[in-house]
PDB file of N, CA and C in Angstrom:
ATOM      1  N   MET A   1     155.407 144.754  58.410  1.00  0.00           N
ATOM      2  CA  MET A   1     154.198 144.668  59.208  1.00  0.00           C
ATOM      3  C   MET A   1     154.545 144.515  60.694  1.00  0.00           C
ATOM      4  N   THR A   2     155.570 143.737  60.992  1.00  0.00           N
ATOM      5  CA  THR A   2     155.970 143.563  62.388  1.00  0.00           C
ATOM      6  C   THR A   2     156.513 144.870  62.956  1.00  0.00           C
ATOM      7  N   ASN A   3     157.147 145.672  62.116  1.00  0.00           N
ATOM      8  CA  ASN A   3     157.677 146.954  62.563  1.00  0.00           C
ATOM      9  C   ASN A   3     156.531 147.881  62.986  1.00  0.00           C
ATOM     10  N   VAL A   4     155.446 147.883  62.240  1.00  0.00           N
ATOM     11  CA  VAL A   4     154.290 148.717  62.574  1.00  0.00           C
ATOM     12  C   VAL A   4     153.678 148.255  63.892  1.00  0.00           C
ATOM     13  N   PHE A   5     153.555 146.948  64.070  1.00  0.00           N
ATOM     14  CA  PHE A   5     152.996 146.410  65.309  1.00  0.00           C
ATOM     15  C   PHE A   5     153.892 146.732  66.506  1.00  0.00           C
ATOM     16  N   ALA A   6     155.193 146.613  66.341  1.00  0.00           N
ATOM     17  CA  ALA A   6     156.137 146.910  67.434  1.00  0.00           C
ATOM     18  C   ALA A   6     156.064 148.387  67.805  1.00  0.00           C
ATOM     19  N   ARG A   7     155.944 149.267  66.820  1.00  0.00           N
ATOM     20  CA  ARG A   7     155.813 150.696  67.093  1.00  0.00           C
ATOM     21  C   ARG A   7     154.511 150.990  67.832  1.00  0.00           C
ATOM     22  N   PHE A   8     153.451 150.303  67.454  1.00  0.00           N
ATOM     23  CA  PHE A   8     152.146 150.482  68.093  1.00  0.00           C
ATOM     24  C   PHE A   8     152.197 150.065  69.565  1.00  0.00           C
ATOM     25  N   VAL A   9     152.889 148.972  69.861  1.00  0.00           N
ATOM     26  CA  VAL A   9     152.990 148.478  71.234  1.00  0.00           C
ATOM     27  C   VAL A   9     153.801 149.442  72.101  1.00  0.00           C
ATOM     28  N   LYS A  10     154.846 150.051  71.532  1.00  0.00           N
ATOM     29  CA  LYS A  10     155.705 150.963  72.293  1.00  0.00           C
ATOM     30  C   LYS A  10     155.088 152.349  72.476  1.00  0.00           C
ATOM     31  N   ASP A  11     154.096 152.720  71.677  1.00  0.00           N
ATOM     32  CA  ASP A  11     153.482 154.050  71.742  1.00  0.00           C
ATOM     33  C   ASP A  11     152.655 154.176  73.028  1.00  0.00           C
ATOM     34  N   GLU A  12     153.004 155.156  73.860  1.00  0.00           N
ATOM     35  CA  GLU A  12     152.309 155.349  75.127  1.00  0.00           C
ATOM     36  C   GLU A  12     151.543 156.661  75.190  1.00  0.00           C
ATOM     37  N   SER A  13     151.363 157.351  74.088  1.00  0.00           N
ATOM     38  CA  SER A  13     150.691 158.646  74.121  1.00  0.00           C
ATOM     39  C   SER A  13     149.218 158.507  74.502  1.00  0.00           C
ATOM     40  N   GLY A  14     148.572 157.438  74.131  1.00  0.00           N
ATOM     41  CA  GLY A  14     147.186 157.219  74.522  1.00  0.00           C
ATOM     42  C   GLY A  14     147.060 156.970  76.012  1.00  0.00           C
ATOM     43  N   ALA A  15     148.036 156.309  76.598  1.00  0.00           N
ATOM     44  CA  ALA A  15     148.012 156.041  78.040  1.00  0.00           C
ATOM     45  C   ALA A  15     148.075 157.343  78.827  1.00  0.00           C
ATOM     46  N   THR A  16     148.841 158.303  78.342  1.00  0.00           N
ATOM     47  CA  THR A  16     148.943 159.589  79.016  1.00  0.00           C
ATOM     48  C   THR A  16     147.607 160.306  78.995  1.00  0.00           C
ATOM     49  N   ALA A  17     146.922 160.265  77.878  1.00  0.00           N
ATOM     50  CA  ALA A  17     145.616 160.909  77.780  1.00  0.00           C
ATOM     51  C   ALA A  17     144.608 160.253  78.721  1.00  0.00           C
ATOM     52  N   ILE A  18     144.661 158.959  78.833  1.00  0.00           N
ATOM     53  CA  ILE A  18     143.760 158.238  79.746  1.00  0.00           C
ATOM     54  C   ILE A  18     144.074 158.614  81.196  1.00  0.00           C
ATOM     55  N   GLU A  19     145.341 158.724  81.529  1.00  0.00           N
ATOM     56  CA  GLU A  19     145.722 159.116  82.893  1.00  0.00           C
ATOM     57  C   GLU A  19     145.211 160.513  83.216  1.00  0.00           C
ATOM     58  N   TYR A  20     145.364 161.438  82.284  1.00  0.00           N
ATOM     59  CA  TYR A  20     144.849 162.797  82.506  1.00  0.00           C
ATOM     60  C   TYR A  20     143.332 162.777  82.656  1.00  0.00           C
ATOM     61  N   GLY A  21     142.672 161.950  81.892  1.00  0.00           N
ATOM     62  CA  GLY A  21     141.218 161.830  82.006  1.00  0.00           C
ATOM     63  C   GLY A  21     140.799 161.292  83.361  1.00  0.00           C
ATOM     64  N   LEU A  22     141.525 160.302  83.871  1.00  0.00           N
ATOM     65  CA  LEU A  22     141.220 159.747  85.193  1.00  0.00           C
ATOM     66  C   LEU A  22     141.467 160.768  86.300  1.00  0.00           C
ATOM     67  N   ILE A  23     142.530 161.539  86.176  1.00  0.00           N
ATOM     68  CA  ILE A  23     142.813 162.582  87.169  1.00  0.00           C
ATOM     69  C   ILE A  23     141.719 163.641  87.139  1.00  0.00           C
ATOM     70  N   ALA A  24     141.296 164.051  85.952  1.00  0.00           N
ATOM     71  CA  ALA A  24     140.224 165.042  85.840  1.00  0.00           C
ATOM     72  C   ALA A  24     138.920 164.512  86.426  1.00  0.00           C
ATOM     73  N   ALA A  25     138.626 163.242  86.211  1.00  0.00           N
ATOM     74  CA  ALA A  25     137.413 162.646  86.775  1.00  0.00           C
ATOM     75  C   ALA A  25     137.485 162.606  88.296  1.00  0.00           C
ATOM     76  N   LEU A  26     138.645 162.277  88.847  1.00  0.00           N
ATOM     77  CA  LEU A  26     138.815 162.248  90.294  1.00  0.00           C
ATOM     78  C   LEU A  26     138.645 163.646  90.891  1.00  0.00           C
ATOM     79  N   VAL A  27     139.228 164.641  90.260  1.00  0.00           N
ATOM     80  CA  VAL A  27     139.084 166.020  90.732  1.00  0.00           C
ATOM     81  C   VAL A  27     137.621 166.437  90.685  1.00  0.00           C
ATOM     82  N   ALA A  28     136.910 166.056  89.632  1.00  0.00           N
ATOM     83  CA  ALA A  28     135.493 166.403  89.513  1.00  0.00           C
ATOM     84  C   ALA A  28     134.670 165.749  90.617  1.00  0.00           C
ATOM     85  N   VAL A  29     134.954 164.486  90.921  1.00  0.00           N
ATOM     86  CA  VAL A  29     134.213 163.791  91.980  1.00  0.00           C
ATOM     87  C   VAL A  29     134.460 164.455  93.332  1.00  0.00           C
ATOM     88  N   VAL A  30     135.703 164.806  93.614  1.00  0.00           N
ATOM     89  CA  VAL A  30     136.030 165.474  94.877  1.00  0.00           C
ATOM     90  C   VAL A  30     135.356 166.845  94.944  1.00  0.00           C
ATOM     91  N   ALA A  31     135.370 167.588  93.855  1.00  0.00           N
ATOM     92  CA  ALA A  31     134.740 168.905  93.834  1.00  0.00           C
ATOM     93  C   ALA A  31     133.236 168.801  94.035  1.00  0.00           C
ATOM     94  N   ILE A  32     132.602 167.863  93.362  1.00  0.00           N
ATOM     95  CA  ILE A  32     131.156 167.688  93.505  1.00  0.00           C
ATOM     96  C   ILE A  32     130.796 167.294  94.933  1.00  0.00           C
ATOM     97  N   THR A  33     131.583 166.393  95.519  1.00  0.00           N
ATOM     98  CA  THR A  33     131.330 165.969  96.895  1.00  0.00           C
ATOM     99  C   THR A  33     131.474 167.147  97.865  1.00  0.00           C
ATOM    100  N   GLY A  34     132.518 167.926  97.702  1.00  0.00           N
ATOM    101  CA  GLY A  34     132.735 169.086  98.564  1.00  0.00           C
ATOM    102  C   GLY A  34     131.650 170.130  98.412  1.00  0.00           C
ATOM    103  N   MET A  35     131.253 170.404  97.173  1.00  0.00           N
ATOM    104  CA  MET A  35     130.212 171.400  96.935  1.00  0.00           C
ATOM    105  C   MET A  35     128.865 170.940  97.470  1.00  0.00           C
ATOM    106  N   THR A  36     128.595 169.655  97.391  1.00  0.00           N
ATOM    107  CA  THR A  36     127.335 169.128  97.921  1.00  0.00           C
ATOM    108  C   THR A  36     127.296 169.279  99.441  1.00  0.00           C
ATOM    109  N   ALA A  37     128.384 168.938 100.101  1.00  0.00           N
ATOM    110  CA  ALA A  37     128.445 169.069 101.557  1.00  0.00           C
ATOM    111  C   ALA A  37     128.318 170.528 101.977  1.00  0.00           C
ATOM    112  N   LEU A  38     129.020 171.403 101.282  1.00  0.00           N
ATOM    113  CA  LEU A  38     128.946 172.826 101.590  1.00  0.00           C
ATOM    114  C   LEU A  38     127.554 173.373 101.315  1.00  0.00           C
ATOM    115  N   GLY A  39     126.945 172.936 100.224  1.00  0.00           N
ATOM    116  CA  GLY A  39     125.602 173.382  99.885  1.00  0.00           C
ATOM    117  C   GLY A  39     124.580 172.959 100.923  1.00  0.00           C
ATOM    118  N   THR A  40     124.727 171.767 101.449  1.00  0.00           N
ATOM    119  CA  THR A  40     123.812 171.285 102.484  1.00  0.00           C
ATOM    120  C   THR A  40     123.947 172.126 103.756  1.00  0.00           C
ATOM    121  N   LYS A  41     125.190 172.432 104.135  1.00  0.00           N
ATOM    122  CA  LYS A  41     125.409 173.272 105.320  1.00  0.00           C
ATOM    123  C   LYS A  41     124.841 174.671 105.106  1.00  0.00           C
ATOM    124  N   LEU A  42     125.086 175.252 103.950  1.00  0.00           N
ATOM    125  CA  LEU A  42     124.581 176.590 103.671  1.00  0.00           C
ATOM    126  C   LEU A  42     123.060 176.614 103.635  1.00  0.00           C
ATOM    127  N   SER A  43     122.467 175.586 103.091  1.00  0.00           N
ATOM    128  CA  SER A  43     121.006 175.511 103.048  1.00  0.00           C
ATOM    129  C   SER A  43     120.437 175.493 104.464  1.00  0.00           C
ATOM    130  N   GLY A  44     121.040 174.716 105.346  1.00  0.00           N
ATOM    131  CA  GLY A  44     120.600 174.678 106.740  1.00  0.00           C
ATOM    132  C   GLY A  44     120.778 176.025 107.425  1.00  0.00           C
ATOM    133  N   LEU A  45     121.890 176.679 107.144  1.00  0.00           N
ATOM    134  CA  LEU A  45     122.164 177.986 107.731  1.00  0.00           C
ATOM    135  C   LEU A  45     121.121 179.007 107.295  1.00  0.00           C
ATOM    136  N   PHE A  46     120.844 179.072 106.005  1.00  0.00           N
ATOM    137  CA  PHE A  46     119.875 180.045 105.500  1.00  0.00           C
ATOM    138  C   PHE A  46     118.456 179.712 105.941  1.00  0.00           C
ATOM    139  N   THR A  47     118.153 178.441 106.082  1.00  0.00           N
ATOM    140  CA  THR A  47     116.831 178.056 106.588  1.00  0.00           C
ATOM    141  C   THR A  47     116.672 178.530 108.030  1.00  0.00           C
ATOM    142  N   GLY A  48     117.703 178.362 108.837  1.00  0.00           N
ATOM    143  CA  GLY A  48     117.667 178.836 110.223  1.00  0.00           C
ATOM    144  C   GLY A  48     117.508 180.341 110.305  1.00  0.00           C
ATOM    145  N   ILE A  49     118.245 181.062 109.473  1.00  0.00           N
ATOM    146  CA  ILE A  49     118.129 182.521 109.452  1.00  0.00           C
ATOM    147  C   ILE A  49     116.726 182.936 109.018  1.00  0.00           C
ATOM    148  N   SER A  50     116.203 182.283 108.006  1.00  0.00           N
ATOM    149  CA  SER A  50     114.857 182.602 107.522  1.00  0.00           C
ATOM    150  C   SER A  50     113.805 182.347 108.589  1.00  0.00           C
ATOM    151  N   ASN A  51     113.945 181.228 109.288  1.00  0.00           N
ATOM    152  CA  ASN A  51     112.982 180.911 110.361  1.00  0.00           C
ATOM    153  C   ASN A  51     113.032 181.959 111.473  1.00  0.00           C
ATOM    154  N   LYS A  52     114.218 182.452 111.809  1.00  0.00           N
ATOM    155  CA  LYS A  52     114.350 183.464 112.860  1.00  0.00           C
ATOM    156  C   LYS A  52     113.770 184.803 112.414  1.00  0.00           C
ATOM    157  N   LEU A  53     113.877 185.116 111.128  1.00  0.00           N
ATOM    158  CA  LEU A  53     113.344 186.382 110.640  1.00  0.00           C
ATOM    159  C   LEU A  53     111.820 186.352 110.577  1.00  0.00           C
ATOM    160  N   VAL A  54     111.245 185.220 110.250  1.00  0.00           N
ATOM    161  CA  VAL A  54     109.799 185.093 110.078  1.00  0.00           C
ATOM    162  C   VAL A  54     109.092 184.885 111.420  1.00  0.00           C
ATOM    163  N   ALA A  55     109.706 184.155 112.317  1.00  0.00           N
ATOM    164  CA  ALA A  55     109.047 183.806 113.583  1.00  0.00           C
ATOM    165  C   ALA A  55     108.879 185.045 114.469  1.00  0.00           C
ATOM    166  N   PRO A  56     107.708 185.182 115.080  1.00  0.00           N
ATOM    167  CA  PRO A  56     107.519 186.316 115.988  1.00  0.00           C
ATOM    168  C   PRO A  56     108.299 186.091 117.283  1.00  0.00           C
ATOM    169  N   THR A  57     108.865 187.145 117.815  1.00  0.00           N
ATOM    170  CA  THR A  57     109.648 187.012 119.045  1.00  0.00           C
ATOM    171  C   THR A  57     108.907 187.453 120.269  1.00  0.00           C
TER     172      THR A  57
END
């Protein structure tokens, strides 16, 4: 029984999966933040273009 417990304590394969999960979550947060900022800029750009096309000169 102690041998099984000692093997369980030394097993680090679950830690690797958790690390990969944390890295994937960090990448997702950075991507979402970047896309949101870019989307806001693009929305402003297209709104400005639309206003110039509609407004009489």
